[in-house]
Amino acid sequence: MPKTMTLSQVMKQLEAHGDEKVRQRYVRDGAGDNVFGVLLGKIRGLAEALGTNHGLGLELWATGNHEARILACMLLDPEALTEKEARALLEPLSNPTLVDELVGRVLVHAPIAEALQVRWMDGSKELPRRAGWKLLAGRIARGLAKDLDVRATLARIERELPPAPYRVKEGINFCLVWIGLHLPEYTGEAIAIGERLGRWDPRPIPKGCTSSYAPEWIAASLALRRGEKTEARKAMEATAKTKAAPVRKKSTGKRPAARKGAR
């Protein structure tokens, strides 16, 4: 695959990798109708072949296609974005998956990250607020929030999470967990706040996944750091072993009938 490709060539590659069942799942998850149904692994492979290409990334984003925008997040140069351009990319979005991809792959690495974080956390729009909290979490994880008043931030989390819209709750909770994981001196406080906030997420936990409940999420992640398996991982592996075990037929005590022609 050539490293330099035109927008048209890239779009044809994406469309060729599309799968109807995957497309239907993406549509159900809120990706909109402009979607091919390309698995993330295929998009990553294309991104590795293309490398950083800010101009192409902007062109892909402008198509409005779901996979093209995911790919754009892998090609954009964080250093090249102005605050105005970043806002124009994120603020019109209605899909939290794209918000998280743009924040995690691009904006958290940009020199304008702190300015965007402050603007969006203090704003009123749901998905930009989510983005602001996720930006703060990413900056904490990278050691870039050195002037942060952590106790004031924890108090704000406890105050703002309960009344927030669901997608904002997810972003605030993510930041709480990241504080607990990346600032060891505040791990206990983060867990205590999570316990006071309670289980705000009503969705069932998929098999093998970690709970979004902050105390359990923090504990599970710290256990993994120590090389320990979480209860969810143990249960998943036990289920996999059960499914893989051969089924043995019970003996009837009778001798098998002789086959015709057997001597």
Protein backbone atom coordinates (compact mmCIF):
# COMPACT_ATOMS: atom_id res chain seq x y z
CA MET A 1 0.00 0.00 0.00
CA PRO A 2 1.52 3.39 -0.98
CA LYS A 3 2.24 5.72 1.94
CA THR A 4 0.79 8.68 0.02
CA MET A 5 -2.84 8.26 -0.97
CA THR A 6 -5.55 10.65 -2.09
CA LEU A 7 -8.78 11.12 -0.20
CA SER A 8 -10.64 9.18 -2.88
CA GLN A 9 -8.24 6.24 -2.64
CA VAL A 10 -8.50 6.09 1.14
CA MET A 11 -12.29 6.20 1.05
CA LYS A 12 -12.34 3.34 -1.45
CA GLN A 13 -10.07 1.32 0.85
CA LEU A 14 -12.38 1.95 3.81
CA GLU A 15 -15.48 1.06 1.82
CA ALA A 16 -13.87 -2.16 0.61
CA HIS A 17 -13.30 -3.22 4.24
CA GLY A 18 -16.92 -2.55 5.19
CA ASP A 19 -19.13 -5.29 6.60
CA GLU A 20 -22.92 -4.96 6.70
CA LYS A 21 -23.35 -6.60 10.12
CA VAL A 22 -20.69 -4.35 11.61
CA ARG A 23 -22.30 -1.34 9.91
CA GLN A 24 -25.66 -2.14 11.45
CA ARG A 25 -24.06 -2.42 14.89
CA TYR A 26 -22.34 0.96 14.49
CA VAL A 27 -25.62 2.56 13.40
CA ARG A 28 -27.38 1.14 16.47
CA ASP A 29 -24.58 2.56 18.63
CA GLY A 30 -25.15 6.07 17.28
CA ALA A 31 -22.61 6.36 14.43
CA GLY A 32 -25.24 7.76 12.04
CA ASP A 33 -25.96 6.61 8.51
CA ASN A 34 -22.67 7.65 6.88
CA VAL A 35 -20.81 4.53 7.93
CA PHE A 36 -19.22 1.53 6.15
CA GLY A 37 -18.89 -0.94 9.02
CA VAL A 38 -15.08 -1.23 9.18
CA LEU A 39 -13.52 -2.93 12.19
CA LEU A 40 -11.05 -0.84 14.20
CA GLY A 41 -8.16 -3.20 13.43
CA LYS A 42 -8.52 -2.53 9.70
CA ILE A 43 -8.56 1.22 10.33
CA ARG A 44 -5.42 0.95 12.47
CA GLY A 45 -3.65 -0.97 9.71
CA LEU A 46 -4.48 1.74 7.20
CA ALA A 47 -3.32 4.44 9.62
CA GLU A 48 0.03 2.68 10.16
CA ALA A 49 0.57 2.54 6.41
CA LEU A 50 -0.26 6.23 5.95
CA GLY A 51 1.52 7.76 8.96
CA THR A 52 0.85 11.27 10.27
CA ASN A 53 -0.81 13.35 7.56
CA HIS A 54 -2.60 16.39 8.93
CA GLY A 55 -3.97 17.59 5.61
CA LEU A 56 -5.42 14.22 4.70
CA GLY A 57 -6.79 13.87 8.23
CA LEU A 58 -8.75 17.12 7.87
CA GLU A 59 -10.07 15.98 4.48
CA LEU A 60 -11.20 12.67 5.95
CA TRP A 61 -12.92 14.43 8.84
CA ALA A 62 -14.79 16.71 6.43
CA THR A 63 -16.43 13.70 4.73
CA GLY A 64 -18.59 13.11 7.82
CA ASN A 65 -18.07 9.36 7.40
CA HIS A 66 -17.69 7.53 10.73
CA GLU A 67 -14.67 5.40 9.81
CA ALA A 68 -13.01 8.27 7.93
CA ARG A 69 -13.21 10.34 11.10
CA ILE A 70 -11.81 7.53 13.25
CA LEU A 71 -8.93 7.26 10.76
CA ALA A 72 -8.50 11.05 10.80
CA CYS A 73 -7.93 10.88 14.57
CA MET A 74 -4.96 8.61 13.85
CA LEU A 75 -3.47 10.92 11.18
CA LEU A 76 -3.97 14.43 12.58
CA ASP A 77 -0.97 16.30 14.01
CA PRO A 78 -1.86 17.66 17.48
CA GLU A 79 0.81 20.35 17.16
CA ALA A 80 -0.85 21.76 14.04
CA LEU A 81 -4.30 22.40 15.53
CA THR A 82 -5.43 25.81 16.72
CA GLU A 83 -8.03 26.13 19.47
CA LYS A 84 -10.58 27.38 16.92
CA GLU A 85 -9.95 24.39 14.63
CA ALA A 86 -10.19 21.90 17.50
CA ARG A 87 -13.50 23.37 18.62
CA ALA A 88 -14.83 23.19 15.06
CA LEU A 89 -13.95 19.48 14.96
CA LEU A 90 -15.44 18.46 18.30
CA GLU A 91 -18.29 20.76 19.25
CA PRO A 92 -20.73 19.74 16.48
CA LEU A 93 -20.32 16.01 17.29
CA SER A 94 -23.26 13.91 18.51
CA ASN A 95 -21.40 10.59 18.85
CA PRO A 96 -19.47 10.01 22.14
CA THR A 97 -17.23 7.43 20.47
CA LEU A 98 -15.86 10.06 18.08
CA VAL A 99 -15.51 12.54 20.95
CA ASP A 100 -13.39 10.05 22.91
CA GLU A 101 -11.27 9.14 19.86
CA LEU A 102 -10.56 12.79 19.05
CA VAL A 103 -9.72 13.61 22.66
CA GLY A 104 -7.63 10.51 23.39
CA ARG A 105 -5.70 10.31 20.14
CA VAL A 106 -5.28 13.99 19.26
CA LEU A 107 -6.37 16.74 21.61
CA VAL A 108 -4.78 15.46 24.81
CA HIS A 109 -1.40 15.73 23.04
CA ALA A 110 -2.04 19.24 21.70
CA PRO A 111 -0.50 22.41 23.19
CA ILE A 112 -4.05 23.82 23.40
CA ALA A 113 -5.33 20.92 25.56
CA GLU A 114 -5.56 22.88 28.82
CA ALA A 115 -7.40 25.80 27.23
CA LEU A 116 -9.91 23.42 25.64
CA GLN A 117 -10.31 21.52 28.91
CA VAL A 118 -11.17 24.63 30.88
CA ARG A 119 -13.58 25.96 28.24
CA TRP A 120 -15.45 22.68 27.85
CA MET A 121 -15.61 21.72 31.53
CA ASP A 122 -17.16 25.12 32.31
CA GLY A 123 -19.58 24.94 29.36
CA SER A 124 -23.13 23.68 29.13
CA LYS A 125 -23.05 21.38 26.09
CA GLU A 126 -23.13 17.68 26.97
CA LEU A 127 -20.44 16.13 24.77
CA PRO A 128 -17.97 19.03 25.01
CA ARG A 129 -18.33 18.79 28.82
CA ARG A 130 -17.54 15.08 28.56
CA ALA A 131 -14.52 15.99 26.40
CA GLY A 132 -13.29 18.53 28.97
CA TRP A 133 -13.28 15.96 31.79
CA LYS A 134 -11.62 13.37 29.58
CA LEU A 135 -8.97 15.91 28.58
CA LEU A 136 -8.21 16.61 32.24
CA ALA A 137 -7.95 12.86 32.91
CA GLY A 138 -5.54 12.42 30.00
CA ARG A 139 -3.40 15.34 31.13
CA ILE A 140 -3.26 13.91 34.67
CA ALA A 141 -2.15 10.53 33.32
CA ARG A 142 0.65 12.20 31.35
CA GLY A 143 1.82 14.33 34.28
CA LEU A 144 0.78 17.54 32.49
CA ALA A 145 -1.62 18.89 35.14
CA LYS A 146 1.03 19.84 37.68
CA ASP A 147 -0.75 23.05 38.81
CA LEU A 148 -4.08 21.27 39.34
CA ASP A 149 -5.82 21.80 42.67
CA VAL A 150 -6.67 18.12 43.11
CA ARG A 151 -8.81 18.48 46.22
CA ALA A 152 -10.88 21.21 44.61
CA THR A 153 -11.25 19.01 41.52
CA LEU A 154 -12.39 16.06 43.64
CA ALA A 155 -14.93 18.28 45.38
CA ARG A 156 -16.16 19.44 41.98
CA ILE A 157 -16.49 15.83 40.82
CA GLU A 158 -18.60 14.94 43.85
CA ARG A 159 -20.74 18.04 43.32
CA GLU A 160 -21.23 17.84 39.55
CA LEU A 161 -21.55 14.11 38.79
CA PRO A 162 -25.00 13.41 40.35
CA PRO A 163 -27.02 16.00 38.35
CA ALA A 164 -25.00 15.68 35.12
CA PRO A 165 -26.37 14.10 31.92
CA TYR A 166 -25.36 10.49 31.47
CA ARG A 167 -22.57 11.09 28.91
CA VAL A 168 -21.09 13.78 31.14
CA LYS A 169 -21.31 11.45 34.14
CA GLU A 170 -19.14 8.99 32.20
CA GLY A 171 -16.49 11.66 31.60
CA ILE A 172 -16.50 12.87 35.21
CA ASN A 173 -16.31 9.32 36.53
CA PHE A 174 -13.43 8.57 34.15
CA CYS A 175 -11.53 11.54 35.57
CA LEU A 176 -12.22 10.38 39.15
CA VAL A 177 -10.81 6.93 38.35
CA TRP A 178 -7.76 8.41 36.61
CA ILE A 179 -7.02 10.57 39.65
CA GLY A 180 -7.23 7.46 41.81
CA LEU A 181 -4.88 5.56 39.52
CA HIS A 182 -2.31 8.20 38.56
CA LEU A 183 -2.09 10.28 41.74
CA PRO A 184 -1.39 7.67 44.46
CA GLU A 185 -1.63 10.18 47.29
CA TYR A 186 -5.30 10.73 46.35
CA THR A 187 -6.29 7.11 45.68
CA GLY A 188 -8.07 6.74 49.02
CA GLU A 189 -10.00 9.98 48.56
CA ALA A 190 -11.04 9.00 45.04
CA ILE A 191 -12.35 5.64 46.28
CA ALA A 192 -14.22 7.30 49.16
CA ILE A 193 -15.89 9.77 46.80
CA GLY A 194 -16.83 6.92 44.48
CA GLU A 195 -18.45 5.11 47.42
CA ARG A 196 -20.43 8.21 48.37
CA LEU A 197 -21.58 8.75 44.78
CA GLY A 198 -22.69 5.12 44.58
CA ARG A 199 -23.52 3.04 41.53
CA TRP A 200 -24.83 5.73 39.17
CA ASP A 201 -24.53 3.52 36.04
CA PRO A 202 -27.57 1.19 35.79
CA ARG A 203 -26.27 -0.88 32.88
CA PRO A 204 -25.28 -4.52 33.47
CA ILE A 205 -21.55 -5.23 33.34
CA PRO A 206 -20.65 -7.33 30.26
CA LYS A 207 -18.79 -10.57 30.98
CA GLY A 208 -15.05 -10.03 31.32
CA CYS A 209 -15.41 -6.23 31.66
CA THR A 210 -14.55 -4.04 34.63
CA SER A 211 -17.31 -2.24 36.52
CA SER A 212 -17.69 1.51 35.92
CA TYR A 213 -18.22 1.90 39.69
CA ALA A 214 -15.11 3.91 40.59
CA PRO A 215 -14.01 1.94 43.72
CA GLU A 216 -14.18 -1.36 41.80
CA TRP A 217 -12.58 0.09 38.65
CA ILE A 218 -9.67 1.56 40.64
CA ALA A 219 -9.19 -1.65 42.65
CA ALA A 220 -9.28 -3.83 39.53
CA SER A 221 -6.76 -1.63 37.68
CA LEU A 222 -4.39 -1.56 40.64
CA ALA A 223 -4.67 -5.36 40.90
CA LEU A 224 -3.69 -5.67 37.24
CA ARG A 225 -0.67 -3.44 37.87
CA ARG A 226 0.42 -5.90 40.56
CA GLY A 227 -0.02 -8.75 38.11
CA GLU A 228 -3.13 -10.05 39.82
CA LYS A 229 -6.24 -11.20 37.98
CA THR A 230 -9.55 -9.50 38.66
CA GLU A 231 -12.61 -11.52 39.60
CA ALA A 232 -14.13 -10.64 36.21
CA ARG A 233 -11.04 -11.98 34.42
CA LYS A 234 -11.06 -15.17 36.51
CA ALA A 235 -14.74 -15.74 35.73
CA MET A 236 -14.18 -15.13 32.03
CA GLU A 237 -11.25 -17.56 31.88
CA ALA A 238 -13.20 -20.19 33.83
CA THR A 239 -16.11 -19.85 31.38
CA ALA A 240 -13.73 -20.16 28.42
CA LYS A 241 -12.20 -23.35 29.88
CA THR A 242 -15.64 -24.86 30.43
CA LYS A 243 -16.64 -24.16 26.84
CA ALA A 244 -13.36 -25.56 25.51
CA ALA A 245 -13.50 -28.78 27.57
CA PRO A 246 -14.45 -31.87 25.49
CA VAL A 247 -17.83 -33.39 26.29
CA ARG A 248 -17.51 -37.03 27.30
CA LYS A 249 -20.41 -39.37 26.71
CA LYS A 250 -21.57 -41.38 29.67
CA SER A 251 -20.84 -45.08 29.40
CA THR A 252 -23.95 -47.29 29.07
CA GLY A 253 -22.07 -50.39 30.17
CA LYS A 254 -22.90 -52.12 26.86
CA ARG A 255 -20.33 -53.28 24.39
CA PRO A 256 -20.50 -51.51 21.02
CA ALA A 257 -22.17 -53.53 18.28
CA ALA A 258 -19.80 -55.17 15.84
CA ARG A 259 -19.55 -53.48 12.47
CA LYS A 260 -20.47 -55.38 9.38
CA GLY A 261 -17.50 -57.13 7.94
CA ALA A 262 -15.61 -57.07 11.21
CA ARG A 263 -13.82 -60.29 12.04
